[in-house]
Amino acid sequence: MRSRATSGSRMSTWDETMADLLRVEGLDAGYGEAIVIEDISFSIPAGGSLALLGRNGTGKTTLLNTLVGVTRRRAGRIMLDGRDITGLRPDLRAAAGIGWVPQERNIFKSLTVLENLTAVARTGPWTIERVFRQFPRLAERRDNLGDQLSGGEQQMLAVGRALSLNPKLLLLDEPFEGLAPIIVEELLVALRAIMREQGMSAIIVEQNPFKILDITDRAVVLERGRIVLQDDSAALRDDPERLQRYLSVARAEASS
């Protein structure tokens, strides 16, 4: 069942009649014997985008890692496009349609930009040339090695490489961390186009919510490994006092 907004909040801006692309039910997971996230349930329709928010250490990265398949799941189920992927290995989840941009980026630094893309590309609408059109910097540096790129260019390559897999769902873990403001703005414009204009479903983890509430449909806030708030991104963006209460972040901080 699709999770509804918190009582008193606005209804979701995305189409509630659409079939779920991703449905997470009662998910408990962690590392070794430690359980980091508990009783996580939410869903995303095709073309929907989700901001995953919370203070440091609340389980955001663990949730993405669990969707990818690199944690120890204790309970719950993950459905992708009507298929139960809960028991699949990470490589099979990627083949099923999970595209992942981890914090570490994990690009192949000894390969060129073009080789990074072609090494993982799958047939679909996101061709190498389409990635280059979306990220002109990568087109200009197609023959540069990964370790010859700036941090921002490496992040663009990490996103482009995930897109070249032609995923159904894109997971981005703090994609703006450590980047110069001008590069952050460039990436935000690209991600807005990818999600809003081109219909890519996505989950974005970010410490500063105001960076991503403008480009996502819904937001989920985690605290101590549990969901404590779900609402429209626009509703949270327009209610900074509530964000301050849950995240201890003010609009002035987010713009820095």
Foldseek 3Di string as FASTA:
>chain_A
DADFFDPPFDTFPDDPPADFQKWWAQWWWAADPDTQAGGDTHTAGQLAEEEEEEEPSQCPVVVVCQLLPNIGIDDIWMAGRNRTCNPPHNVVSLLVFEQEQDPVLPFQQAAFLQCSQVVQADDDDLAPVNLCVLPVVCVVRRRPGNVVDDPLVSLSSSVSSSVRSVGQEYEEEASCPPHDPVSLVSVLVSLLCVRVVVRRYYYYYHHQLVSPLVRGRKYFYGGSNYTPGIHGSVRCNVCQVVCCVRRVDGPVNSVD
